[in-house]
């Protein structure tokens, strides 16, 4: 179930990224139009930029909210798995922490050289 939720979340994240790219392209086209209208005056340019920013915010806001909801679902699923297997979760977290500590010790204390003195 958790894997399916992760796949669904990943697909939705990819859809969100595609939508953002689409919106960036629209904004770039609007910026191009605005620069062409620059000869029409500074006020028109500022108005176009404001309108474009408002439309972008209006288009992206629901997607961000949807992504937050998906993130909450994933966190709940992970929390449930941790509750089902607390000993394994703590042991895994300890092991990962130990490995990271050793890697950091070698990198930070020895200037990136992995030799022991």
PDB file of N, CA and C in Angstrom:
ATOM      1  N   UNK A   1       0.816  -1.185   0.000  1.00  0.00           N
ATOM      2  CA  UNK A   1       0.000   0.000   0.000  1.00  0.00           C
ATOM      3  C   UNK A   1       0.863   1.253   0.000  1.00  0.00           C
ATOM      4  N   UNK A   2       1.917   1.241   0.783  1.00  0.00           N
ATOM      5  CA  UNK A   2       2.815   2.380   0.877  1.00  0.00           C
ATOM      6  C   UNK A   2       3.512   2.632  -0.455  1.00  0.00           C
ATOM      7  N   UNK A   3       3.909   1.539  -1.144  1.00  0.00           N
ATOM      8  CA  UNK A   3       4.568   1.690  -2.442  1.00  0.00           C
ATOM      9  C   UNK A   3       3.621   2.289  -3.468  1.00  0.00           C
ATOM     10  N   UNK A   4       2.378   1.845  -3.433  1.00  0.00           N
ATOM     11  CA  UNK A   4       1.386   2.385  -4.369  1.00  0.00           C
ATOM     12  C   UNK A   4       1.158   3.867  -4.094  1.00  0.00           C
ATOM     13  N   UNK A   5       1.108   4.231  -2.833  1.00  0.00           N
ATOM     14  CA  UNK A   5       0.925   5.634  -2.462  1.00  0.00           C
ATOM     15  C   UNK A   5       2.123   6.460  -2.914  1.00  0.00           C
ATOM     16  N   UNK A   6       3.321   5.907  -2.769  1.00  0.00           N
ATOM     17  CA  UNK A   6       4.531   6.600  -3.220  1.00  0.00           C
ATOM     18  C   UNK A   6       4.511   6.780  -4.736  1.00  0.00           C
ATOM     19  N   UNK A   7       4.102   5.736  -5.468  1.00  0.00           N
ATOM     20  CA  UNK A   7       4.033   5.831  -6.931  1.00  0.00           C
ATOM     21  C   UNK A   7       3.004   6.861  -7.353  1.00  0.00           C
ATOM     22  N   UNK A   8       1.872   6.859  -6.684  1.00  0.00           N
ATOM     23  CA  UNK A   8       0.834   7.845  -6.981  1.00  0.00           C
ATOM     24  C   UNK A   8       1.345   9.244  -6.692  1.00  0.00           C
ATOM     25  N   UNK A   9       2.009   9.399  -5.563  1.00  0.00           N
ATOM     26  CA  UNK A   9       2.555  10.709  -5.212  1.00  0.00           C
ATOM     27  C   UNK A   9       3.604  11.140  -6.228  1.00  0.00           C
ATOM     28  N   UNK A  10       4.453  10.206  -6.651  1.00  0.00           N
ATOM     29  CA  UNK A  10       5.488  10.530  -7.629  1.00  0.00           C
ATOM     30  C   UNK A  10       4.858  10.957  -8.948  1.00  0.00           C
ATOM     31  N   UNK A  11       3.809  10.267  -9.370  1.00  0.00           N
ATOM     32  CA  UNK A  11       3.128  10.628 -10.610  1.00  0.00           C
ATOM     33  C   UNK A  11       2.509  12.009 -10.492  1.00  0.00           C
ATOM     34  N   UNK A  12       1.942  12.296  -9.343  1.00  0.00           N
ATOM     35  CA  UNK A  12       1.342  13.614  -9.152  1.00  0.00           C
ATOM     36  C   UNK A  12       2.407  14.696  -9.080  1.00  0.00           C
ATOM     37  N   UNK A  13       3.539  14.390  -8.491  1.00  0.00           N
ATOM     38  CA  UNK A  13       4.642  15.351  -8.456  1.00  0.00           C
ATOM     39  C   UNK A  13       5.132  15.631  -9.873  1.00  0.00           C
ATOM     40  N   UNK A  14       5.239  14.574 -10.684  1.00  0.00           N
ATOM     41  CA  UNK A  14       5.661  14.767 -12.072  1.00  0.00           C
ATOM     42  C   UNK A  14       4.644  15.610 -12.846  1.00  0.00           C
ATOM     43  N   UNK A  15       3.370  15.380 -12.582  1.00  0.00           N
ATOM     44  CA  UNK A  15       2.331  16.190 -13.222  1.00  0.00           C
ATOM     45  C   UNK A  15       2.439  17.639 -12.775  1.00  0.00           C
ATOM     46  N   UNK A  16       2.745  17.838 -11.501  1.00  0.00           N
ATOM     47  CA  UNK A  16       2.924  19.181 -10.973  1.00  0.00           C
ATOM     48  C   UNK A  16       4.118  19.865 -11.630  1.00  0.00           C
ATOM     49  N   UNK A  17       5.210  19.124 -11.788  1.00  0.00           N
ATOM     50  CA  UNK A  17       6.389  19.684 -12.450  1.00  0.00           C
ATOM     51  C   UNK A  17       6.079  20.061 -13.895  1.00  0.00           C
ATOM     52  N   UNK A  18       5.314  19.217 -14.589  1.00  0.00           N
ATOM     53  CA  UNK A  18       4.930  19.515 -15.970  1.00  0.00           C
ATOM     54  C   UNK A  18       4.073  20.771 -16.029  1.00  0.00           C
ATOM     55  N   UNK A  19       3.160  20.901 -15.086  1.00  0.00           N
ATOM     56  CA  UNK A  19       2.291  22.085 -15.044  1.00  0.00           C
ATOM     57  C   UNK A  19       3.119  23.334 -14.774  1.00  0.00           C
ATOM     58  N   UNK A  20       4.088  23.222 -13.882  1.00  0.00           N
ATOM     59  CA  UNK A  20       4.956  24.362 -13.584  1.00  0.00           C
ATOM     60  C   UNK A  20       5.740  24.759 -14.825  1.00  0.00           C
ATOM     61  N   UNK A  21       6.259  23.782 -15.561  1.00  0.00           N
ATOM     62  CA  UNK A  21       6.974  24.090 -16.800  1.00  0.00           C
ATOM     63  C   UNK A  21       6.066  24.784 -17.805  1.00  0.00           C
ATOM     64  N   UNK A  22       4.832  24.312 -17.891  1.00  0.00           N
ATOM     65  CA  UNK A  22       3.861  24.934 -18.786  1.00  0.00           C
ATOM     66  C   UNK A  22       3.597  26.384 -18.373  1.00  0.00           C
ATOM     67  N   UNK A  23       3.442  26.590 -17.077  1.00  0.00           N
ATOM     68  CA  UNK A  23       3.186  27.942 -16.581  1.00  0.00           C
ATOM     69  C   UNK A  23       4.396  28.852 -16.779  1.00  0.00           C
ATOM     70  N   UNK A  24       5.593  28.289 -16.609  1.00  0.00           N
ATOM     71  CA  UNK A  24       6.799  29.077 -16.868  1.00  0.00           C
ATOM     72  C   UNK A  24       6.862  29.508 -18.327  1.00  0.00           C
ATOM     73  N   UNK A  25       6.476  28.593 -19.225  1.00  0.00           N
ATOM     74  CA  UNK A  25       6.462  28.940 -20.649  1.00  0.00           C
ATOM     75  C   UNK A  25       5.449  30.049 -20.923  1.00  0.00           C
ATOM     76  N   UNK A  26       4.283  29.950 -20.288  1.00  0.00           N
ATOM     77  CA  UNK A  26       3.278  31.005 -20.450  1.00  0.00           C
ATOM     78  C   UNK A  26       3.798  32.336 -19.929  1.00  0.00           C
ATOM     79  N   UNK A  27       4.441  32.292 -18.777  1.00  0.00           N
ATOM     80  CA  UNK A  27       4.975  33.517 -18.189  1.00  0.00           C
ATOM     81  C   UNK A  27       6.065  34.113 -19.071  1.00  0.00           C
ATOM     82  N   UNK A  28       6.885  33.249 -19.643  1.00  0.00           N
ATOM     83  CA  UNK A  28       7.934  33.731 -20.538  1.00  0.00           C
ATOM     84  C   UNK A  28       7.322  34.373 -21.785  1.00  0.00           C
ATOM     85  N   UNK A  29       6.254  33.767 -22.307  1.00  0.00           N
ATOM     86  CA  UNK A  29       5.574  34.348 -23.465  1.00  0.00           C
ATOM     87  C   UNK A  29       4.970  35.693 -23.092  1.00  0.00           C
ATOM     88  N   UNK A  30       4.402  35.776 -21.915  1.00  0.00           N
ATOM     89  CA  UNK A  30       3.842  37.046 -21.468  1.00  0.00           C
ATOM     90  C   UNK A  30       4.938  38.083 -21.270  1.00  0.00           C
ATOM     91  N   UNK A  31       6.072  37.648 -20.780  1.00  0.00           N
ATOM     92  CA  UNK A  31       7.195  38.571 -20.613  1.00  0.00           C
ATOM     93  C   UNK A  31       7.664  39.080 -21.972  1.00  0.00           C
ATOM     94  N   UNK A  32       7.663  38.191 -22.952  1.00  0.00           N
ATOM     95  CA  UNK A  32       8.042  38.594 -24.306  1.00  0.00           C
ATOM     96  C   UNK A  32       7.057  39.625 -24.849  1.00  0.00           C
ATOM     97  N   UNK A  33       5.766  39.343 -24.637  1.00  0.00           N
ATOM     98  CA  UNK A  33       4.745  40.297 -25.068  1.00  0.00           C
ATOM     99  C   UNK A  33       4.923  41.624 -24.349  1.00  0.00           C
ATOM    100  N   UNK A  34       5.216  41.544 -23.073  1.00  0.00           N
ATOM    101  CA  UNK A  34       5.391  42.766 -22.287  1.00  0.00           C
ATOM    102  C   UNK A  34       6.588  43.563 -22.771  1.00  0.00           C
ATOM    103  N   UNK A  35       7.671  42.866 -23.120  1.00  0.00           N
ATOM    104  CA  UNK A  35       8.844  43.589 -23.604  1.00  0.00           C
ATOM    105  C   UNK A  35       8.570  44.230 -24.958  1.00  0.00           C
ATOM    106  N   UNK A  36       7.723  43.576 -25.771  1.00  0.00           N
ATOM    107  CA  UNK A  36       7.347  44.170 -27.049  1.00  0.00           C
ATOM    108  C   UNK A  36       6.468  45.398 -26.841  1.00  0.00           C
ATOM    109  N   UNK A  37       5.678  45.346 -25.752  1.00  0.00           N
ATOM    110  CA  UNK A  37       4.808  46.475 -25.453  1.00  0.00           C
ATOM    111  C   UNK A  37       5.529  47.563 -24.673  1.00  0.00           C
ATOM    112  N   UNK A  38       6.797  47.341 -24.397  1.00  0.00           N
ATOM    113  CA  UNK A  38       7.580  48.324 -23.651  1.00  0.00           C
ATOM    114  C   UNK A  38       7.526  49.686 -24.324  1.00  0.00           C
ATOM    115  N   UNK A  39       7.465  49.670 -25.621  1.00  0.00           N
ATOM    116  CA  UNK A  39       7.397  50.927 -26.349  1.00  0.00           C
ATOM    117  C   UNK A  39       6.067  51.623 -26.083  1.00  0.00           C
ATOM    118  N   UNK A  40       5.084  50.841 -25.632  1.00  0.00           N
ATOM    119  CA  UNK A  40       3.771  51.396 -25.327  1.00  0.00           C
ATOM    120  C   UNK A  40       3.739  52.123 -23.994  1.00  0.00           C
ATOM    121  N   UNK A  41       4.714  51.925 -23.172  1.00  0.00           N
ATOM    122  CA  UNK A  41       4.776  52.659 -21.915  1.00  0.00           C
ATOM    123  C   UNK A  41       5.051  51.778 -20.718  1.00  0.00           C
ATOM    124  N   UNK A  42       5.589  52.401 -19.715  1.00  0.00           N
ATOM    125  CA  UNK A  42       5.964  51.712 -18.487  1.00  0.00           C
ATOM    126  C   UNK A  42       4.741  51.202 -17.731  1.00  0.00           C
ATOM    127  N   UNK A  43       3.665  51.938 -17.731  1.00  0.00           N
ATOM    128  CA  UNK A  43       2.450  51.551 -17.012  1.00  0.00           C
ATOM    129  C   UNK A  43       1.864  50.256 -17.579  1.00  0.00           C
ATOM    130  N   UNK A  44       1.849  50.135 -18.895  1.00  0.00           N
ATOM    131  CA  UNK A  44       1.317  48.922 -19.521  1.00  0.00           C
ATOM    132  C   UNK A  44       2.165  47.714 -19.153  1.00  0.00           C
ATOM    133  N   UNK A  45       3.471  47.900 -19.114  1.00  0.00           N
ATOM    134  CA  UNK A  45       4.385  46.815 -18.752  1.00  0.00           C
ATOM    135  C   UNK A  45       4.134  46.357 -17.324  1.00  0.00           C
ATOM    136  N   UNK A  46       4.017  47.293 -16.412  1.00  0.00           N
ATOM    137  CA  UNK A  46       3.780  46.946 -15.012  1.00  0.00           C
ATOM    138  C   UNK A  46       2.436  46.233 -14.864  1.00  0.00           C
ATOM    139  N   UNK A  47       1.426  46.701 -15.564  1.00  0.00           N
ATOM    140  CA  UNK A  47       0.118  46.053 -15.518  1.00  0.00           C
ATOM    141  C   UNK A  47       0.167  44.627 -16.031  1.00  0.00           C
ATOM    142  N   UNK A  48       0.889  44.404 -17.125  1.00  0.00           N
ATOM    143  CA  UNK A  48       1.011  43.050 -17.694  1.00  0.00           C
ATOM    144  C   UNK A  48       1.749  42.118 -16.744  1.00  0.00           C
ATOM    145  N   UNK A  49       2.778  42.614 -16.124  1.00  0.00           N
ATOM    146  CA  UNK A  49       3.546  41.792 -15.184  1.00  0.00           C
ATOM    147  C   UNK A  49       2.673  41.429 -13.984  1.00  0.00           C
ATOM    148  N   UNK A  50       1.937  42.398 -13.469  1.00  0.00           N
ATOM    149  CA  UNK A  50       1.046  42.136 -12.345  1.00  0.00           C
ATOM    150  C   UNK A  50      -0.005  41.101 -12.708  1.00  0.00           C
ATOM    151  N   UNK A  51      -0.622  41.274 -13.863  1.00  0.00           N
ATOM    152  CA  UNK A  51      -1.652  40.319 -14.294  1.00  0.00           C
ATOM    153  C   UNK A  51      -1.077  38.923 -14.472  1.00  0.00           C
ATOM    154  N   UNK A  52       0.097  38.843 -15.072  1.00  0.00           N
ATOM    155  CA  UNK A  52       0.747  37.545 -15.267  1.00  0.00           C
ATOM    156  C   UNK A  52       1.074  36.877 -13.943  1.00  0.00           C
ATOM    157  N   UNK A  53       1.573  37.669 -12.992  1.00  0.00           N
ATOM    158  CA  UNK A  53       1.907  37.116 -11.677  1.00  0.00           C
ATOM    159  C   UNK A  53       0.648  36.643 -10.956  1.00  0.00           C
ATOM    160  N   UNK A  54      -0.432  37.405 -11.063  1.00  0.00           N
ATOM    161  CA  UNK A  54      -1.681  37.009 -10.417  1.00  0.00           C
ATOM    162  C   UNK A  54      -2.239  35.724 -11.023  1.00  0.00           C
ATOM    163  N   UNK A  55      -2.169  35.615 -12.351  1.00  0.00           N
ATOM    164  CA  UNK A  55      -2.656  34.389 -13.005  1.00  0.00           C
ATOM    165  C   UNK A  55      -1.788  33.194 -12.629  1.00  0.00           C
ATOM    166  N   UNK A  56      -0.481  33.415 -12.577  1.00  0.00           N
ATOM    167  CA  UNK A  56       0.428  32.338 -12.202  1.00  0.00           C
ATOM    168  C   UNK A  56       0.131  31.867 -10.780  1.00  0.00           C
ATOM    169  N   UNK A  57      -0.047  32.813  -9.865  1.00  0.00           N
ATOM    170  CA  UNK A  57      -0.371  32.460  -8.480  1.00  0.00           C
ATOM    171  C   UNK A  57      -1.692  31.705  -8.412  1.00  0.00           C
ATOM    172  N   UNK A  58      -2.663  32.164  -9.172  1.00  0.00           N
ATOM    173  CA  UNK A  58      -3.985  31.529  -9.185  1.00  0.00           C
ATOM    174  C   UNK A  58      -3.895  30.100  -9.732  1.00  0.00           C
ATOM    175  N   UNK A  59      -3.059  29.875 -10.747  1.00  0.00           N
ATOM    176  CA  UNK A  59      -2.908  28.545 -11.337  1.00  0.00           C
ATOM    177  C   UNK A  59      -2.105  27.601 -10.446  1.00  0.00           C
ATOM    178  N   UNK A  60      -1.100  28.111  -9.767  1.00  0.00           N
ATOM    179  CA  UNK A  60      -0.193  27.257  -8.995  1.00  0.00           C
ATOM    180  C   UNK A  60      -0.749  26.948  -7.601  1.00  0.00           C
ATOM    181  N   UNK A  61      -1.504  27.855  -7.012  1.00  0.00           N
ATOM    182  CA  UNK A  61      -1.991  27.662  -5.633  1.00  0.00           C
ATOM    183  C   UNK A  61      -2.723  26.334  -5.424  1.00  0.00           C
ATOM    184  N   UNK A  62      -3.683  25.966  -6.278  1.00  0.00           N
ATOM    185  CA  UNK A  62      -4.365  24.683  -6.053  1.00  0.00           C
ATOM    186  C   UNK A  62      -3.416  23.483  -6.169  1.00  0.00           C
ATOM    187  N   UNK A  63      -2.439  23.588  -7.050  1.00  0.00           N
ATOM    188  CA  UNK A  63      -1.488  22.489  -7.217  1.00  0.00           C
ATOM    189  C   UNK A  63      -0.624  22.332  -5.976  1.00  0.00           C
ATOM    190  N   UNK A  64      -0.217  23.446  -5.393  1.00  0.00           N
ATOM    191  CA  UNK A  64       0.605  23.389  -4.176  1.00  0.00           C
ATOM    192  C   UNK A  64      -0.206  22.783  -3.032  1.00  0.00           C
ATOM    193  N   UNK A  65      -1.458  23.169  -2.894  1.00  0.00           N
ATOM    194  CA  UNK A  65      -2.314  22.607  -1.855  1.00  0.00           C
ATOM    195  C   UNK A  65      -2.490  21.099  -2.043  1.00  0.00           C
ATOM    196  N   UNK A  66      -2.689  20.694  -3.286  1.00  0.00           N
ATOM    197  CA  UNK A  66      -2.856  19.270  -3.592  1.00  0.00           C
ATOM    198  C   UNK A  66      -1.590  18.500  -3.223  1.00  0.00           C
ATOM    199  N   UNK A  67      -0.422  19.083  -3.541  1.00  0.00           N
ATOM    200  CA  UNK A  67       0.852  18.441  -3.220  1.00  0.00           C
ATOM    201  C   UNK A  67       1.018  18.320  -1.710  1.00  0.00           C
ATOM    202  N   UNK A  68       0.613  19.339  -0.955  1.00  0.00           N
ATOM    203  CA  UNK A  68       0.715  19.280   0.499  1.00  0.00           C
ATOM    204  C   UNK A  68      -0.145  18.144   1.047  1.00  0.00           C
ATOM    205  N   UNK A  69      -1.331  17.969   0.481  1.00  0.00           N
ATOM    206  CA  UNK A  69      -2.212  16.890   0.922  1.00  0.00           C
ATOM    207  C   UNK A  69      -1.571  15.531   0.643  1.00  0.00           C
ATOM    208  N   UNK A  70      -0.955  15.377  -0.525  1.00  0.00           N
ATOM    209  CA  UNK A  70      -0.277  14.120  -0.857  1.00  0.00           C
ATOM    210  C   UNK A  70       0.884  13.864   0.102  1.00  0.00           C
ATOM    211  N   UNK A  71       1.620  14.898   0.438  1.00  0.00           N
ATOM    212  CA  UNK A  71       2.734  14.765   1.361  1.00  0.00           C
ATOM    213  C   UNK A  71       2.232  14.302   2.725  1.00  0.00           C
ATOM    214  N   UNK A  72       1.122  14.863   3.171  1.00  0.00           N
ATOM    215  CA  UNK A  72       0.550  14.451   4.450  1.00  0.00           C
ATOM    216  C   UNK A  72       0.154  12.981   4.431  1.00  0.00           C
ATOM    217  N   UNK A  73      -0.421  12.525   3.316  1.00  0.00           N
ATOM    218  CA  UNK A  73      -0.807  11.119   3.200  1.00  0.00           C
ATOM    219  C   UNK A  73       0.415  10.207   3.289  1.00  0.00           C
ATOM    220  N   UNK A  74       1.497  10.583   2.611  1.00  0.00           N
ATOM    221  CA  UNK A  74       2.721   9.777   2.639  1.00  0.00           C
ATOM    222  C   UNK A  74       3.282   9.741   4.058  1.00  0.00           C
ATOM    223  N   UNK A  75       3.298  10.889   4.727  1.00  0.00           N
ATOM    224  CA  UNK A  75       3.815  10.922   6.095  1.00  0.00           C
ATOM    225  C   UNK A  75       2.972  10.061   7.029  1.00  0.00           C
ATOM    226  N   UNK A  76       1.660  10.072   6.843  1.00  0.00           N
ATOM    227  CA  UNK A  76       0.799   9.219   7.675  1.00  0.00           C
ATOM    228  C   UNK A  76       1.095   7.738   7.413  1.00  0.00           C
ATOM    229  N   UNK A  77       1.308   7.394   6.140  1.00  0.00           N
ATOM    230  CA  UNK A  77       1.601   5.996   5.803  1.00  0.00           C
ATOM    231  C   UNK A  77       2.936   5.557   6.406  1.00  0.00           C
ATOM    232  N   UNK A  78       3.933   6.427   6.327  1.00  0.00           N
ATOM    233  CA  UNK A  78       5.236   6.107   6.915  1.00  0.00           C
ATOM    234  C   UNK A  78       5.111   5.977   8.427  1.00  0.00           C
ATOM    235  N   UNK A  79       4.364   6.882   9.036  1.00  0.00           N
ATOM    236  CA  UNK A  79       4.146   6.809  10.484  1.00  0.00           C
ATOM    237  C   UNK A  79       3.477   5.510  10.889  1.00  0.00           C
ATOM    238  N   UNK A  80       2.517   5.068  10.090  1.00  0.00           N
ATOM    239  CA  UNK A  80       1.831   3.809  10.384  1.00  0.00           C
ATOM    240  C   UNK A  80       2.803   2.632  10.307  1.00  0.00           C
ATOM    241  N   UNK A  81       3.677   2.647   9.300  1.00  0.00           N
ATOM    242  CA  UNK A  81       4.670   1.562   9.170  1.00  0.00           C
ATOM    243  C   UNK A  81       5.622   1.565  10.355  1.00  0.00           C
ATOM    244  N   UNK A  82       6.020   2.750  10.803  1.00  0.00           N
ATOM    245  CA  UNK A  82       6.912   2.840  11.957  1.00  0.00           C
ATOM    246  C   UNK A  82       6.215   2.283  13.193  1.00  0.00           C
ATOM    247  N   UNK A  83       4.931   2.596  13.349  1.00  0.00           N
ATOM    248  CA  UNK A  83       4.175   2.078  14.496  1.00  0.00           C
ATOM    249  C   UNK A  83       4.017   0.560  14.431  1.00  0.00           C
ATOM    250  N   UNK A  84       3.910   0.015  13.221  1.00  0.00           N
ATOM    251  CA  UNK A  84       3.769  -1.431  13.073  1.00  0.00           C
ATOM    252  C   UNK A  84       5.058  -2.158  13.443  1.00  0.00           C
ATOM    253  N   UNK A  85       6.209  -1.536  13.148  1.00  0.00           N
ATOM    254  CA  UNK A  85       7.515  -2.167  13.376  1.00  0.00           C
ATOM    255  C   UNK A  85       8.446  -1.193  14.110  1.00  0.00           C
ATOM    256  N   UNK A  86       8.171  -0.891  15.373  1.00  0.00           N
ATOM    257  CA  UNK A  86       8.979   0.118  16.064  1.00  0.00           C
ATOM    258  C   UNK A  86      10.433  -0.303  16.275  1.00  0.00           C
ATOM    259  N   UNK A  87      10.671  -1.558  16.615  1.00  0.00           N
ATOM    260  CA  UNK A  87      12.046  -1.996  16.863  1.00  0.00           C
ATOM    261  C   UNK A  87      12.883  -1.917  15.590  1.00  0.00           C
ATOM    262  N   UNK A  88      12.339  -2.397  14.498  1.00  0.00           N
ATOM    263  CA  UNK A  88      13.055  -2.353  13.216  1.00  0.00           C
ATOM    264  C   UNK A  88      13.306  -0.901  12.813  1.00  0.00           C
ATOM    265  N   UNK A  89      12.326  -0.021  13.041  1.00  0.00           N
ATOM    266  CA  UNK A  89      12.470   1.388  12.682  1.00  0.00           C
ATOM    267  C   UNK A  89      13.582   2.057  13.474  1.00  0.00           C
ATOM    268  N   UNK A  90      13.608   1.809  14.782  1.00  0.00           N
ATOM    269  CA  UNK A  90      14.646   2.405  15.627  1.00  0.00           C
ATOM    270  C   UNK A  90      16.011   1.851  15.252  1.00  0.00           C
ATOM    271  N   UNK A  91      16.088   0.562  15.024  1.00  0.00           N
ATOM    272  CA  UNK A  91      17.353  -0.067  14.642  1.00  0.00           C
ATOM    273  C   UNK A  91      17.860   0.490  13.308  1.00  0.00           C
ATOM    274  N   UNK A  92      16.974   0.635  12.356  1.00  0.00           N
ATOM    275  CA  UNK A  92      17.363   1.179  11.049  1.00  0.00           C
ATOM    276  C   UNK A  92      17.818   2.628  11.186  1.00  0.00           C
ATOM    277  N   UNK A  93      17.097   3.420  11.960  1.00  0.00           N
ATOM    278  CA  UNK A  93      17.483   4.823  12.162  1.00  0.00           C
ATOM    279  C   UNK A  93      18.846   4.913  12.835  1.00  0.00           C
ATOM    280  N   UNK A  94      19.089   4.069  13.819  1.00  0.00           N
ATOM    281  CA  UNK A  94      20.387   4.056  14.493  1.00  0.00           C
ATOM    282  C   UNK A  94      21.504   3.694  13.516  1.00  0.00           C
ATOM    283  N   UNK A  95      21.258   2.666  12.708  1.00  0.00           N
ATOM    284  CA  UNK A  95      22.271   2.232  11.732  1.00  0.00           C
ATOM    285  C   UNK A  95      22.585   3.325  10.718  1.00  0.00           C
ATOM    286  N   UNK A  96      21.561   3.977  10.212  1.00  0.00           N
ATOM    287  CA  UNK A  96      21.778   5.062   9.246  1.00  0.00           C
ATOM    288  C   UNK A  96      22.535   6.203   9.911  1.00  0.00           C
ATOM    289  N   UNK A  97      22.165   6.537  11.139  1.00  0.00           N
ATOM    290  CA  UNK A  97      22.867   7.597  11.873  1.00  0.00           C
ATOM    291  C   UNK A  97      24.327   7.262  12.098  1.00  0.00           C
ATOM    292  N   UNK A  98      24.605   6.011  12.428  1.00  0.00           N
ATOM    293  CA  UNK A  98      25.981   5.575  12.649  1.00  0.00           C
ATOM    294  C   UNK A  98      26.803   5.680  11.375  1.00  0.00           C
ATOM    295  N   UNK A  99      26.220   5.248  10.271  1.00  0.00           N
ATOM    296  CA  UNK A  99      26.923   5.321   8.976  1.00  0.00           C
ATOM    297  C   UNK A  99      27.190   6.775   8.605  1.00  0.00           C
ATOM    298  N   UNK A 100      26.191   7.637   8.764  1.00  0.00           N
ATOM    299  CA  UNK A 100      26.380   9.060   8.447  1.00  0.00           C
ATOM    300  C   UNK A 100      27.431   9.692   9.348  1.00  0.00           C
ATOM    301  N   UNK A 101      27.443   9.320  10.615  1.00  0.00           N
ATOM    302  CA  UNK A 101      28.439   9.864  11.542  1.00  0.00           C
ATOM    303  C   UNK A 101      29.847   9.466  11.106  1.00  0.00           C
ATOM    304  N   UNK A 102      30.020   8.217  10.708  1.00  0.00           N
ATOM    305  CA  UNK A 102      31.340   7.761  10.262  1.00  0.00           C
ATOM    306  C   UNK A 102      31.767   8.484   8.979  1.00  0.00           C
ATOM    307  N   UNK A 103      30.827   8.654   8.063  1.00  0.00           N
ATOM    308  CA  UNK A 103      31.150   9.361   6.825  1.00  0.00           C
ATOM    309  C   UNK A 103      31.505  10.816   7.107  1.00  0.00           C
ATOM    310  N   UNK A 104      30.737  11.452   7.981  1.00  0.00           N
ATOM    311  CA  UNK A 104      31.017  12.846   8.327  1.00  0.00           C
ATOM    312  C   UNK A 104      32.352  12.964   9.063  1.00  0.00           C
ATOM    313  N   UNK A 105      32.650  12.019   9.920  1.00  0.00           N
ATOM    314  CA  UNK A 105      33.900  12.044  10.664  1.00  0.00           C
ATOM    315  C   UNK A 105      35.082  11.993   9.706  1.00  0.00           C
ATOM    316  N   UNK A 106      35.017  11.104   8.742  1.00  0.00           N
ATOM    317  CA  UNK A 106      36.097  10.978   7.774  1.00  0.00           C
ATOM    318  C   UNK A 106      36.222  12.230   6.917  1.00  0.00           C
ATOM    319  N   UNK A 107      35.115  12.796   6.502  1.00  0.00           N
ATOM    320  CA  UNK A 107      35.139  13.950   5.614  1.00  0.00           C
ATOM    321  C   UNK A 107      35.513  15.220   6.356  1.00  0.00           C
ATOM    322  N   UNK A 108      34.890  15.474   7.488  1.00  0.00           N
ATOM    323  CA  UNK A 108      35.082  16.726   8.208  1.00  0.00           C
ATOM    324  C   UNK A 108      36.402  16.739   8.966  1.00  0.00           C
ATOM    325  N   UNK A 109      36.692  15.693   9.691  1.00  0.00           N
ATOM    326  CA  UNK A 109      37.866  15.681  10.553  1.00  0.00           C
ATOM    327  C   UNK A 109      39.172  15.503   9.785  1.00  0.00           C
ATOM    328  N   UNK A 110      39.126  14.923   8.639  1.00  0.00           N
ATOM    329  CA  UNK A 110      40.342  14.643   7.890  1.00  0.00           C
ATOM    330  C   UNK A 110      40.391  15.398   6.574  1.00  0.00           C
ATOM    331  N   UNK A 111      39.614  16.441   6.443  1.00  0.00           N
ATOM    332  CA  UNK A 111      39.645  17.280   5.258  1.00  0.00           C
ATOM    333  C   UNK A 111      39.285  16.553   3.977  1.00  0.00           C
ATOM    334  N   UNK A 112      38.413  15.586   4.069  1.00  0.00           N
ATOM    335  CA  UNK A 112      37.995  14.863   2.885  1.00  0.00           C
ATOM    336  C   UNK A 112      38.813  13.631   2.593  1.00  0.00           C
ATOM    337  N   UNK A 113      39.922  13.442   3.328  1.00  0.00           N
ATOM    338  CA  UNK A 113      40.767  12.260   3.145  1.00  0.00           C
ATOM    339  C   UNK A 113      40.252  11.156   4.065  1.00  0.00           C
ATOM    340  N   UNK A 114      40.124   9.977   3.539  1.00  0.00           N
ATOM    341  CA  UNK A 114      39.550   8.888   4.335  1.00  0.00           C
ATOM    342  C   UNK A 114      40.626   7.980   4.903  1.00  0.00           C
ATOM    343  N   UNK A 115      41.662   8.575   5.516  1.00  0.00           N
ATOM    344  CA  UNK A 115      42.671   7.766   6.189  1.00  0.00           C
ATOM    345  C   UNK A 115      42.501   7.912   7.684  1.00  0.00           C
ATOM    346  N   UNK A 116      42.964   6.938   8.404  1.00  0.00           N
ATOM    347  CA  UNK A 116      42.909   6.952   9.879  1.00  0.00           C
ATOM    348  C   UNK A 116      44.317   7.209  10.420  1.00  0.00           C
ATOM    349  N   UNK A 117      44.378   7.988  11.518  1.00  0.00           N
ATOM    350  CA  UNK A 117      45.700   8.221  12.112  1.00  0.00           C
ATOM    351  C   UNK A 117      45.917   7.360  13.322  1.00  0.00           C
TER     352      UNK A 117
END
